[in-house]
């Protein structure tokens, strides 16, 4: 599942994939696969990112 908002949120804050991967405790290459939709992002990572960016999981998923 492609989540373009992940990239937008990261870039809006001038953060690198490596920095966000560190927040999640994963390798940058794994995080990259989340942004490109090559791998589904686990629910616990979605929740962590929603908290980190101060948005809802629904927002990350593209829901209103």
PDB file of N, CA and C in Angstrom:
ATOM      1  N   UNK A   1       0.842  -1.174   0.000  1.00  0.00           N
ATOM      2  CA  UNK A   1       0.000   0.000   0.000  1.00  0.00           C
ATOM      3  C   UNK A   1       0.892   1.244   0.000  1.00  0.00           C
ATOM      4  N   UNK A   2       0.725   2.065  -0.988  1.00  0.00           N
ATOM      5  CA  UNK A   2       1.497   3.298  -1.108  1.00  0.00           C
ATOM      6  C   UNK A   2       0.895   4.366  -0.195  1.00  0.00           C
ATOM      7  N   UNK A   3       1.743   4.960   0.639  1.00  0.00           N
ATOM      8  CA  UNK A   3       1.303   6.010   1.558  1.00  0.00           C
ATOM      9  C   UNK A   3       2.073   7.292   1.255  1.00  0.00           C
ATOM     10  N   UNK A   4       1.640   8.053   0.230  1.00  0.00           N
ATOM     11  CA  UNK A   4       2.393   9.249  -0.163  1.00  0.00           C
ATOM     12  C   UNK A   4       2.506  10.281   0.944  1.00  0.00           C
ATOM     13  N   UNK A   5       1.587  10.257   1.884  1.00  0.00           N
ATOM     14  CA  UNK A   5       1.663  11.240   2.967  1.00  0.00           C
ATOM     15  C   UNK A   5       2.892  11.010   3.849  1.00  0.00           C
ATOM     16  N   UNK A   6       3.377   9.783   3.912  1.00  0.00           N
ATOM     17  CA  UNK A   6       4.600   9.534   4.682  1.00  0.00           C
ATOM     18  C   UNK A   6       5.751  10.360   4.127  1.00  0.00           C
ATOM     19  N   UNK A   7       5.901  10.321   2.846  1.00  0.00           N
ATOM     20  CA  UNK A   7       6.980  11.085   2.207  1.00  0.00           C
ATOM     21  C   UNK A   7       6.746  12.585   2.367  1.00  0.00           C
ATOM     22  N   UNK A   8       5.520  13.020   2.147  1.00  0.00           N
ATOM     23  CA  UNK A   8       5.208  14.446   2.257  1.00  0.00           C
ATOM     24  C   UNK A   8       5.497  14.976   3.657  1.00  0.00           C
ATOM     25  N   UNK A   9       5.061  14.253   4.682  1.00  0.00           N
ATOM     26  CA  UNK A   9       5.296  14.685   6.051  1.00  0.00           C
ATOM     27  C   UNK A   9       6.789  14.747   6.357  1.00  0.00           C
ATOM     28  N   UNK A  10       7.510  13.740   5.920  1.00  0.00           N
ATOM     29  CA  UNK A  10       8.956  13.692   6.157  1.00  0.00           C
ATOM     30  C   UNK A  10       9.655  14.843   5.458  1.00  0.00           C
ATOM     31  N   UNK A  11       9.336  15.057   4.202  1.00  0.00           N
ATOM     32  CA  UNK A  11       9.999  16.111   3.437  1.00  0.00           C
ATOM     33  C   UNK A  11       9.611  17.504   3.930  1.00  0.00           C
ATOM     34  N   UNK A  12       8.367  17.681   4.349  1.00  0.00           N
ATOM     35  CA  UNK A  12       7.929  18.971   4.881  1.00  0.00           C
ATOM     36  C   UNK A  12       8.731  19.374   6.113  1.00  0.00           C
ATOM     37  N   UNK A  13       9.246  18.396   6.806  1.00  0.00           N
ATOM     38  CA  UNK A  13      10.025  18.654   8.021  1.00  0.00           C
ATOM     39  C   UNK A  13      11.531  18.544   7.787  1.00  0.00           C
ATOM     40  N   UNK A  14      11.920  18.429   6.515  1.00  0.00           N
ATOM     41  CA  UNK A  14      13.328  18.313   6.129  1.00  0.00           C
ATOM     42  C   UNK A  14      14.040  17.172   6.855  1.00  0.00           C
ATOM     43  N   UNK A  15      13.357  16.037   6.923  1.00  0.00           N
ATOM     44  CA  UNK A  15      13.930  14.854   7.558  1.00  0.00           C
ATOM     45  C   UNK A  15      14.337  13.844   6.491  1.00  0.00           C
ATOM     46  N   UNK A  16      15.337  13.047   6.805  1.00  0.00           N
ATOM     47  CA  UNK A  16      15.780  12.000   5.891  1.00  0.00           C
ATOM     48  C   UNK A  16      15.071  10.693   6.217  1.00  0.00           C
ATOM     49  N   UNK A  17      15.091   9.778   5.276  1.00  0.00           N
ATOM     50  CA  UNK A  17      14.539   8.452   5.537  1.00  0.00           C
ATOM     51  C   UNK A  17      15.299   7.790   6.685  1.00  0.00           C
ATOM     52  N   UNK A  18      16.589   8.041   6.755  1.00  0.00           N
ATOM     53  CA  UNK A  18      17.410   7.456   7.817  1.00  0.00           C
ATOM     54  C   UNK A  18      16.956   7.943   9.192  1.00  0.00           C
ATOM     55  N   UNK A  19      16.606   9.213   9.291  1.00  0.00           N
ATOM     56  CA  UNK A  19      16.142   9.755  10.570  1.00  0.00           C
ATOM     57  C   UNK A  19      14.818   9.122  11.004  1.00  0.00           C
ATOM     58  N   UNK A  20      13.907   8.959  10.055  1.00  0.00           N
ATOM     59  CA  UNK A  20      12.613   8.363  10.388  1.00  0.00           C
ATOM     60  C   UNK A  20      12.779   6.873  10.685  1.00  0.00           C
ATOM     61  N   UNK A  21      13.643   6.211   9.945  1.00  0.00           N
ATOM     62  CA  UNK A  21      13.918   4.798  10.224  1.00  0.00           C
ATOM     63  C   UNK A  21      14.445   4.639  11.647  1.00  0.00           C
ATOM     64  N   UNK A  22      15.266   5.566  12.101  1.00  0.00           N
ATOM     65  CA  UNK A  22      15.799   5.510  13.468  1.00  0.00           C
ATOM     66  C   UNK A  22      14.669   5.644  14.493  1.00  0.00           C
ATOM     67  N   UNK A  23      13.683   6.493  14.204  1.00  0.00           N
ATOM     68  CA  UNK A  23      12.527   6.641  15.102  1.00  0.00           C
ATOM     69  C   UNK A  23      11.811   5.297  15.242  1.00  0.00           C
ATOM     70  N   UNK A  24      11.739   4.562  14.137  1.00  0.00           N
ATOM     71  CA  UNK A  24      11.040   3.278  14.125  1.00  0.00           C
ATOM     72  C   UNK A  24      11.930   2.113  14.573  1.00  0.00           C
ATOM     73  N   UNK A  25      13.235   2.346  14.650  1.00  0.00           N
ATOM     74  CA  UNK A  25      14.161   1.283  15.024  1.00  0.00           C
ATOM     75  C   UNK A  25      14.370   0.268  13.922  1.00  0.00           C
ATOM     76  N   UNK A  26      14.338   0.759  12.676  1.00  0.00           N
ATOM     77  CA  UNK A  26      14.520  -0.117  11.517  1.00  0.00           C
ATOM     78  C   UNK A  26      15.596   0.456  10.607  1.00  0.00           C
ATOM     79  N   UNK A  27      15.996  -0.320   9.623  1.00  0.00           N
ATOM     80  CA  UNK A  27      16.969   0.124   8.633  1.00  0.00           C
ATOM     81  C   UNK A  27      16.313   1.077   7.632  1.00  0.00           C
ATOM     82  N   UNK A  28      17.072   2.014   7.126  1.00  0.00           N
ATOM     83  CA  UNK A  28      16.565   2.977   6.147  1.00  0.00           C
ATOM     84  C   UNK A  28      16.002   2.282   4.913  1.00  0.00           C
ATOM     85  N   UNK A  29      16.619   1.185   4.503  1.00  0.00           N
ATOM     86  CA  UNK A  29      16.138   0.480   3.305  1.00  0.00           C
ATOM     87  C   UNK A  29      14.731  -0.078   3.519  1.00  0.00           C
ATOM     88  N   UNK A  30      14.453  -0.525   4.724  1.00  0.00           N
ATOM     89  CA  UNK A  30      13.108  -1.034   5.034  1.00  0.00           C
ATOM     90  C   UNK A  30      12.115   0.119   5.001  1.00  0.00           C
ATOM     91  N   UNK A  31      12.495   1.236   5.624  1.00  0.00           N
ATOM     92  CA  UNK A  31      11.591   2.391   5.611  1.00  0.00           C
ATOM     93  C   UNK A  31      11.299   2.836   4.179  1.00  0.00           C
ATOM     94  N   UNK A  32      12.291   2.820   3.332  1.00  0.00           N
ATOM     95  CA  UNK A  32      12.117   3.206   1.933  1.00  0.00           C
ATOM     96  C   UNK A  32      11.043   2.352   1.260  1.00  0.00           C
ATOM     97  N   UNK A  33      10.999   1.078   1.599  1.00  0.00           N
ATOM     98  CA  UNK A  33       9.987   0.203   0.990  1.00  0.00           C
ATOM     99  C   UNK A  33       8.583   0.555   1.465  1.00  0.00           C
ATOM    100  N   UNK A  34       8.473   1.151   2.651  1.00  0.00           N
ATOM    101  CA  UNK A  34       7.166   1.620   3.120  1.00  0.00           C
ATOM    102  C   UNK A  34       6.702   2.800   2.273  1.00  0.00           C
ATOM    103  N   UNK A  35       7.605   3.749   2.054  1.00  0.00           N
ATOM    104  CA  UNK A  35       7.237   4.948   1.274  1.00  0.00           C
ATOM    105  C   UNK A  35       6.890   4.613  -0.166  1.00  0.00           C
ATOM    106  N   UNK A  36       7.563   3.641  -0.738  1.00  0.00           N
ATOM    107  CA  UNK A  36       7.322   3.301  -2.136  1.00  0.00           C
ATOM    108  C   UNK A  36       6.184   2.306  -2.323  1.00  0.00           C
ATOM    109  N   UNK A  37       5.684   1.765  -1.223  1.00  0.00           N
ATOM    110  CA  UNK A  37       4.585   0.809  -1.306  1.00  0.00           C
ATOM    111  C   UNK A  37       5.013  -0.597  -1.652  1.00  0.00           C
ATOM    112  N   UNK A  38       6.314  -0.868  -1.613  1.00  0.00           N
ATOM    113  CA  UNK A  38       6.801  -2.216  -1.911  1.00  0.00           C
ATOM    114  C   UNK A  38       6.561  -3.170  -0.749  1.00  0.00           C
ATOM    115  N   UNK A  39       6.351  -2.597   0.429  1.00  0.00           N
ATOM    116  CA  UNK A  39       6.084  -3.396   1.622  1.00  0.00           C
ATOM    117  C   UNK A  39       5.020  -2.677   2.435  1.00  0.00           C
ATOM    118  N   UNK A  40       4.071  -3.444   2.965  1.00  0.00           N
ATOM    119  CA  UNK A  40       3.054  -2.851   3.839  1.00  0.00           C
ATOM    120  C   UNK A  40       3.694  -2.470   5.163  1.00  0.00           C
ATOM    121  N   UNK A  41       3.292  -1.337   5.681  1.00  0.00           N
ATOM    122  CA  UNK A  41       3.830  -0.867   6.942  1.00  0.00           C
ATOM    123  C   UNK A  41       3.049  -1.502   8.093  1.00  0.00           C
ATOM    124  N   UNK A  42       3.751  -2.069   9.056  1.00  0.00           N
ATOM    125  CA  UNK A  42       3.054  -2.685  10.194  1.00  0.00           C
ATOM    126  C   UNK A  42       2.267  -1.643  11.000  1.00  0.00           C
ATOM    127  N   UNK A  43       1.200  -2.096  11.620  1.00  0.00           N
ATOM    128  CA  UNK A  43       0.336  -1.206  12.385  1.00  0.00           C
ATOM    129  C   UNK A  43       1.105  -0.464  13.475  1.00  0.00           C
ATOM    130  N   UNK A  44       2.007  -1.144  14.159  1.00  0.00           N
ATOM    131  CA  UNK A  44       2.750  -0.469  15.227  1.00  0.00           C
ATOM    132  C   UNK A  44       3.615   0.664  14.685  1.00  0.00           C
ATOM    133  N   UNK A  45       4.119   0.527  13.471  1.00  0.00           N
ATOM    134  CA  UNK A  45       4.896   1.609  12.862  1.00  0.00           C
ATOM    135  C   UNK A  45       3.988   2.757  12.432  1.00  0.00           C
ATOM    136  N   UNK A  46       2.798   2.434  11.933  1.00  0.00           N
ATOM    137  CA  UNK A  46       1.829   3.482  11.588  1.00  0.00           C
ATOM    138  C   UNK A  46       1.474   4.314  12.816  1.00  0.00           C
ATOM    139  N   UNK A  47       1.239   3.637  13.914  1.00  0.00           N
ATOM    140  CA  UNK A  47       0.882   4.336  15.144  1.00  0.00           C
ATOM    141  C   UNK A  47       2.044   5.207  15.621  1.00  0.00           C
ATOM    142  N   UNK A  48       3.248   4.671  15.574  1.00  0.00           N
ATOM    143  CA  UNK A  48       4.424   5.445  15.982  1.00  0.00           C
ATOM    144  C   UNK A  48       4.583   6.685  15.122  1.00  0.00           C
ATOM    145  N   UNK A  49       4.405   6.547  13.820  1.00  0.00           N
ATOM    146  CA  UNK A  49       4.556   7.693  12.915  1.00  0.00           C
ATOM    147  C   UNK A  49       3.434   8.707  13.109  1.00  0.00           C
ATOM    148  N   UNK A  50       2.230   8.236  13.340  1.00  0.00           N
ATOM    149  CA  UNK A  50       1.112   9.160  13.595  1.00  0.00           C
ATOM    150  C   UNK A  50       1.402   9.984  14.845  1.00  0.00           C
ATOM    151  N   UNK A  51       1.887   9.336  15.884  1.00  0.00           N
ATOM    152  CA  UNK A  51       2.251  10.061  17.107  1.00  0.00           C
ATOM    153  C   UNK A  51       3.409  11.022  16.853  1.00  0.00           C
ATOM    154  N   UNK A  52       4.396  10.573  16.121  1.00  0.00           N
ATOM    155  CA  UNK A  52       5.581  11.385  15.835  1.00  0.00           C
ATOM    156  C   UNK A  52       5.208  12.666  15.073  1.00  0.00           C
ATOM    157  N   UNK A  53       4.350  12.520  14.079  1.00  0.00           N
ATOM    158  CA  UNK A  53       3.954  13.658  13.241  1.00  0.00           C
ATOM    159  C   UNK A  53       2.727  14.406  13.794  1.00  0.00           C
ATOM    160  N   UNK A  54       2.145  13.904  14.869  1.00  0.00           N
ATOM    161  CA  UNK A  54       0.953  14.520  15.467  1.00  0.00           C
ATOM    162  C   UNK A  54      -0.218  14.559  14.483  1.00  0.00           C
ATOM    163  N   UNK A  55      -0.428  13.418  13.834  1.00  0.00           N
ATOM    164  CA  UNK A  55      -1.560  13.243  12.920  1.00  0.00           C
ATOM    165  C   UNK A  55      -2.244  11.930  13.293  1.00  0.00           C
ATOM    166  N   UNK A  56      -3.366  11.661  12.660  1.00  0.00           N
ATOM    167  CA  UNK A  56      -4.057  10.398  12.914  1.00  0.00           C
ATOM    168  C   UNK A  56      -3.577   9.325  11.941  1.00  0.00           C
ATOM    169  N   UNK A  57      -3.798   8.084  12.338  1.00  0.00           N
ATOM    170  CA  UNK A  57      -3.501   6.976  11.431  1.00  0.00           C
ATOM    171  C   UNK A  57      -4.375   7.098  10.188  1.00  0.00           C
ATOM    172  N   UNK A  58      -5.631   7.516  10.359  1.00  0.00           N
ATOM    173  CA  UNK A  58      -6.509   7.732   9.199  1.00  0.00           C
ATOM    174  C   UNK A  58      -5.882   8.716   8.217  1.00  0.00           C
ATOM    175  N   UNK A  59      -5.278   9.774   8.723  1.00  0.00           N
ATOM    176  CA  UNK A  59      -4.623  10.746   7.835  1.00  0.00           C
ATOM    177  C   UNK A  59      -3.488  10.075   7.059  1.00  0.00           C
ATOM    178  N   UNK A  60      -2.675   9.294   7.748  1.00  0.00           N
ATOM    179  CA  UNK A  60      -1.573   8.592   7.063  1.00  0.00           C
ATOM    180  C   UNK A  60      -2.099   7.654   5.989  1.00  0.00           C
ATOM    181  N   UNK A  61      -3.252   7.076   6.243  1.00  0.00           N
ATOM    182  CA  UNK A  61      -3.832   6.132   5.281  1.00  0.00           C
ATOM    183  C   UNK A  61      -4.604   6.823   4.159  1.00  0.00           C
ATOM    184  N   UNK A  62      -4.684   8.146   4.224  1.00  0.00           N
ATOM    185  CA  UNK A  62      -5.383   8.884   3.177  1.00  0.00           C
ATOM    186  C   UNK A  62      -6.869   9.014   3.399  1.00  0.00           C
ATOM    187  N   UNK A  63      -7.315   8.683   4.616  1.00  0.00           N
ATOM    188  CA  UNK A  63      -8.732   8.821   4.938  1.00  0.00           C
ATOM    189  C   UNK A  63      -8.968  10.196   5.529  1.00  0.00           C
ATOM    190  N   UNK A  64     -10.187  10.677   5.413  1.00  0.00           N
ATOM    191  CA  UNK A  64     -10.496  12.006   5.957  1.00  0.00           C
ATOM    192  C   UNK A  64     -10.831  11.940   7.417  1.00  0.00           C
TER     193      UNK A  64
END
